[in-house]
Amino acid sequence: MGRKEYGRYGKHSRRDRRKKKGGIISTVILIVAICVFAFSAFQLYKIFNGYHKGDSAYDDLVSGWKQIFRGFRCTQTDQSGCGCMDPF
């Protein structure tokens, strides 16, 4: 009583060593996968942030031109004769 049965190969069997080695390999693969995911997420953030900044700059440019041309009368009409050629 009190004594553990370790089986045929003793306390540290080959099977146990293979399990530990497999555990280390799967842990390394998991860490690499997490790093790849984090890097990809950061790259996507940079891309979408650039698009957002460009879109904001374009909107600011358009609103600035709208304010400049607000006081002018339109002298040119479109083909139908009922409005400006460049509507804002």
N, C-alpha and C. Protein backbone atom coordinates (compact mmCIF):
# COMPACT_ATOMS: atom_id res chain seq x y z
N MET A 1 0.82 -1.17 0.00
CA MET A 1 0.00 0.00 0.00
C MET A 1 0.87 1.24 0.00
N GLY A 2 0.40 2.32 -0.62
CA GLY A 2 1.20 3.53 -0.66
C GLY A 2 2.19 3.56 -1.81
N ARG A 3 2.48 2.41 -2.36
CA ARG A 3 3.44 2.35 -3.45
C ARG A 3 2.69 2.43 -4.78
N LYS A 4 3.18 3.33 -5.69
CA LYS A 4 2.53 3.49 -6.98
C LYS A 4 3.08 2.47 -7.95
N GLU A 5 2.23 2.05 -8.79
CA GLU A 5 2.65 1.17 -9.86
C GLU A 5 2.99 2.02 -11.07
N TYR A 6 4.21 1.98 -11.51
CA TYR A 6 4.65 2.79 -12.64
C TYR A 6 4.62 2.04 -13.95
N GLY A 7 4.34 0.85 -13.93
CA GLY A 7 4.27 0.09 -15.16
C GLY A 7 5.60 -0.54 -15.50
N ARG A 8 5.69 -0.99 -16.70
CA ARG A 8 6.83 -1.78 -17.15
C ARG A 8 8.11 -0.98 -17.29
N TYR A 9 8.00 0.32 -17.66
CA TYR A 9 9.20 1.11 -17.94
C TYR A 9 9.66 1.96 -16.78
N GLY A 10 9.01 1.90 -15.69
CA GLY A 10 9.43 2.68 -14.55
C GLY A 10 8.72 4.02 -14.49
N LYS A 11 9.30 4.91 -13.70
CA LYS A 11 8.67 6.20 -13.41
C LYS A 11 8.57 7.08 -14.65
N HIS A 12 9.62 7.18 -15.44
CA HIS A 12 9.64 8.03 -16.63
C HIS A 12 9.69 7.15 -17.87
N SER A 13 8.55 6.81 -18.35
CA SER A 13 8.50 5.93 -19.50
C SER A 13 8.66 6.72 -20.80
N ARG A 14 8.89 6.00 -21.87
CA ARG A 14 9.04 6.64 -23.19
C ARG A 14 7.73 7.33 -23.59
N ARG A 15 6.67 6.72 -23.23
CA ARG A 15 5.36 7.29 -23.58
C ARG A 15 5.18 8.65 -22.92
N ASP A 16 5.58 8.76 -21.66
CA ASP A 16 5.47 10.04 -20.96
C ASP A 16 6.37 11.09 -21.60
N ARG A 17 7.59 10.69 -22.00
CA ARG A 17 8.50 11.64 -22.64
C ARG A 17 7.95 12.12 -23.97
N ARG A 18 7.31 11.24 -24.73
CA ARG A 18 6.72 11.63 -26.01
C ARG A 18 5.56 12.61 -25.79
N LYS A 19 4.79 12.40 -24.75
CA LYS A 19 3.70 13.31 -24.44
C LYS A 19 4.24 14.69 -24.10
N LYS A 20 5.32 14.75 -23.34
CA LYS A 20 5.91 16.04 -22.98
C LYS A 20 6.46 16.73 -24.22
N LYS A 21 7.12 15.99 -25.10
CA LYS A 21 7.68 16.57 -26.31
C LYS A 21 6.56 17.08 -27.21
N GLY A 22 5.49 16.31 -27.34
CA GLY A 22 4.34 16.74 -28.13
C GLY A 22 3.68 17.97 -27.53
N GLY A 23 3.66 18.06 -26.23
CA GLY A 23 3.09 19.22 -25.56
C GLY A 23 3.90 20.48 -25.81
N ILE A 24 5.22 20.33 -25.83
CA ILE A 24 6.09 21.47 -26.09
C ILE A 24 5.93 21.94 -27.54
N ILE A 25 5.86 21.01 -28.46
CA ILE A 25 5.72 21.35 -29.88
C ILE A 25 4.39 22.06 -30.11
N SER A 26 3.31 21.55 -29.54
CA SER A 26 2.01 22.19 -29.74
C SER A 26 1.96 23.57 -29.09
N THR A 27 2.65 23.74 -27.99
CA THR A 27 2.71 25.06 -27.34
C THR A 27 3.46 26.05 -28.22
N VAL A 28 4.57 25.63 -28.80
CA VAL A 28 5.34 26.50 -29.69
C VAL A 28 4.51 26.88 -30.91
N ILE A 29 3.81 25.92 -31.49
CA ILE A 29 2.95 26.21 -32.65
C ILE A 29 1.85 27.19 -32.27
N LEU A 30 1.27 27.03 -31.10
CA LEU A 30 0.22 27.94 -30.64
C LEU A 30 0.77 29.35 -30.46
N ILE A 31 1.95 29.49 -29.88
CA ILE A 31 2.55 30.81 -29.68
C ILE A 31 2.85 31.47 -31.02
N VAL A 32 3.39 30.71 -31.97
CA VAL A 32 3.67 31.26 -33.30
C VAL A 32 2.37 31.69 -33.98
N ALA A 33 1.31 30.91 -33.86
CA ALA A 33 0.03 31.27 -34.46
C ALA A 33 -0.54 32.55 -33.85
N ILE A 34 -0.41 32.70 -32.56
CA ILE A 34 -0.88 33.93 -31.89
C ILE A 34 -0.08 35.13 -32.37
N CYS A 35 1.23 34.98 -32.52
CA CYS A 35 2.07 36.08 -33.01
C CYS A 35 1.69 36.46 -34.44
N VAL A 36 1.45 35.48 -35.30
CA VAL A 36 1.04 35.76 -36.68
C VAL A 36 -0.30 36.48 -36.70
N PHE A 37 -1.24 36.05 -35.87
CA PHE A 37 -2.55 36.70 -35.79
C PHE A 37 -2.41 38.15 -35.33
N ALA A 38 -1.60 38.39 -34.29
CA ALA A 38 -1.42 39.75 -33.78
C ALA A 38 -0.78 40.64 -34.84
N PHE A 39 0.23 40.15 -35.54
CA PHE A 39 0.89 40.93 -36.58
C PHE A 39 -0.08 41.25 -37.71
N SER A 40 -0.88 40.28 -38.11
CA SER A 40 -1.86 40.50 -39.19
C SER A 40 -2.93 41.51 -38.77
N ALA A 41 -3.38 41.42 -37.55
CA ALA A 41 -4.38 42.37 -37.05
C ALA A 41 -3.81 43.79 -37.04
N PHE A 42 -2.55 43.95 -36.65
CA PHE A 42 -1.92 45.27 -36.64
C PHE A 42 -1.78 45.81 -38.05
N GLN A 43 -1.40 44.97 -39.01
CA GLN A 43 -1.28 45.41 -40.40
C GLN A 43 -2.63 45.84 -40.95
N LEU A 44 -3.69 45.09 -40.66
CA LEU A 44 -5.03 45.48 -41.10
C LEU A 44 -5.45 46.80 -40.48
N TYR A 45 -5.12 47.01 -39.22
CA TYR A 45 -5.43 48.29 -38.56
C TYR A 45 -4.73 49.44 -39.27
N LYS A 46 -3.46 49.26 -39.61
CA LYS A 46 -2.73 50.32 -40.30
C LYS A 46 -3.35 50.62 -41.66
N ILE A 47 -3.74 49.61 -42.40
CA ILE A 47 -4.34 49.80 -43.72
C ILE A 47 -5.66 50.55 -43.61
N PHE A 48 -6.55 50.10 -42.73
CA PHE A 48 -7.86 50.73 -42.61
C PHE A 48 -7.75 52.13 -42.01
N ASN A 49 -6.79 52.35 -41.14
CA ASN A 49 -6.58 53.68 -40.58
C ASN A 49 -6.13 54.64 -41.68
N GLY A 50 -5.29 54.19 -42.59
CA GLY A 50 -4.87 55.01 -43.72
C GLY A 50 -6.03 55.37 -44.62
N TYR A 51 -6.90 54.40 -44.90
CA TYR A 51 -8.09 54.68 -45.70
C TYR A 51 -8.99 55.70 -45.01
N HIS A 52 -9.15 55.55 -43.71
CA HIS A 52 -10.00 56.47 -42.96
C HIS A 52 -9.43 57.89 -43.01
N LYS A 53 -8.13 58.04 -42.85
CA LYS A 53 -7.51 59.37 -42.91
C LYS A 53 -7.68 59.98 -44.30
N GLY A 54 -7.51 59.19 -45.34
CA GLY A 54 -7.69 59.68 -46.70
C GLY A 54 -9.12 60.11 -46.95
N ASP A 55 -10.08 59.33 -46.46
CA ASP A 55 -11.49 59.65 -46.63
C ASP A 55 -11.83 60.94 -45.88
N SER A 56 -11.28 61.11 -44.67
CA SER A 56 -11.52 62.33 -43.90
C SER A 56 -10.92 63.54 -44.59
N ALA A 57 -9.73 63.39 -45.15
CA ALA A 57 -9.09 64.50 -45.86
C ALA A 57 -9.91 64.89 -47.09
N TYR A 58 -10.44 63.91 -47.81
CA TYR A 58 -11.27 64.20 -48.98
C TYR A 58 -12.54 64.93 -48.56
N ASP A 59 -13.19 64.48 -47.49
CA ASP A 59 -14.40 65.14 -47.02
C ASP A 59 -14.12 66.59 -46.61
N ASP A 60 -12.98 66.83 -45.95
CA ASP A 60 -12.60 68.19 -45.58
C ASP A 60 -12.37 69.05 -46.81
N LEU A 61 -11.76 68.49 -47.83
CA LEU A 61 -11.50 69.22 -49.07
C LEU A 61 -12.81 69.59 -49.76
N VAL A 62 -13.72 68.66 -49.84
CA VAL A 62 -15.01 68.92 -50.49
C VAL A 62 -15.79 69.97 -49.72
N SER A 63 -15.82 69.87 -48.39
CA SER A 63 -16.57 70.86 -47.61
C SER A 63 -15.93 72.23 -47.73
N GLY A 64 -14.61 72.30 -47.86
CA GLY A 64 -13.94 73.59 -48.06
C GLY A 64 -14.33 74.23 -49.38
N TRP A 65 -14.38 73.43 -50.44
CA TRP A 65 -14.77 73.96 -51.75
C TRP A 65 -16.24 74.36 -51.77
N LYS A 66 -17.07 73.64 -51.03
CA LYS A 66 -18.48 74.02 -50.95
C LYS A 66 -18.62 75.41 -50.34
N GLN A 67 -17.83 75.69 -49.31
CA GLN A 67 -17.90 77.00 -48.66
C GLN A 67 -17.38 78.10 -49.58
N ILE A 68 -16.36 77.80 -50.36
CA ILE A 68 -15.81 78.81 -51.27
C ILE A 68 -16.82 79.16 -52.35
N PHE A 69 -17.47 78.18 -52.95
CA PHE A 69 -18.37 78.41 -54.06
C PHE A 69 -19.81 78.73 -53.64
N ARG A 70 -20.08 78.77 -52.37
CA ARG A 70 -21.43 79.02 -51.90
C ARG A 70 -21.92 80.41 -52.32
N GLY A 71 -21.05 81.40 -52.32
CA GLY A 71 -21.46 82.77 -52.63
C GLY A 71 -21.52 83.08 -54.11
N PHE A 72 -21.01 82.23 -54.98
CA PHE A 72 -21.01 82.49 -56.41
C PHE A 72 -22.30 82.01 -57.06
N ARG A 73 -22.68 82.72 -58.11
CA ARG A 73 -23.83 82.28 -58.90
C ARG A 73 -23.35 81.35 -60.00
N CYS A 74 -24.14 80.43 -60.35
CA CYS A 74 -23.78 79.48 -61.40
C CYS A 74 -24.15 80.09 -62.75
N THR A 75 -23.16 80.22 -63.64
CA THR A 75 -23.41 80.80 -64.96
C THR A 75 -23.50 79.74 -66.03
N GLN A 76 -23.01 78.57 -65.77
CA GLN A 76 -23.07 77.50 -66.76
C GLN A 76 -24.17 76.53 -66.37
N THR A 77 -24.86 76.02 -67.35
CA THR A 77 -25.92 75.04 -67.07
C THR A 77 -25.55 73.72 -67.73
N ASP A 78 -26.17 72.67 -67.25
CA ASP A 78 -25.94 71.37 -67.86
C ASP A 78 -26.75 71.25 -69.15
N GLN A 79 -26.76 70.13 -69.78
CA GLN A 79 -27.39 69.96 -71.09
C GLN A 79 -28.90 70.17 -71.05
N SER A 80 -29.51 69.88 -69.94
CA SER A 80 -30.94 70.06 -69.86
C SER A 80 -31.32 71.52 -69.59
N GLY A 81 -30.34 72.33 -69.18
CA GLY A 81 -30.60 73.75 -68.95
C GLY A 81 -31.22 74.06 -67.62
N CYS A 82 -31.13 73.14 -66.69
CA CYS A 82 -31.82 73.39 -65.42
C CYS A 82 -30.92 73.30 -64.21
N GLY A 83 -29.67 73.68 -64.31
CA GLY A 83 -28.84 73.65 -63.12
C GLY A 83 -27.38 73.81 -63.45
N CYS A 84 -26.59 73.86 -62.43
CA CYS A 84 -25.14 73.98 -62.59
C CYS A 84 -24.56 72.68 -63.13
N MET A 85 -23.41 72.79 -63.74
CA MET A 85 -22.75 71.59 -64.29
C MET A 85 -22.10 70.77 -63.18
N ASP A 86 -21.64 71.45 -62.13
CA ASP A 86 -20.97 70.76 -61.02
C ASP A 86 -21.77 70.95 -59.74
N PRO A 87 -22.76 70.12 -59.51
CA PRO A 87 -23.56 70.28 -58.28
C PRO A 87 -22.76 69.81 -57.07
N PHE A 88 -22.89 70.52 -55.99
CA PHE A 88 -22.28 70.11 -54.73
C PHE A 88 -23.35 69.61 -53.86
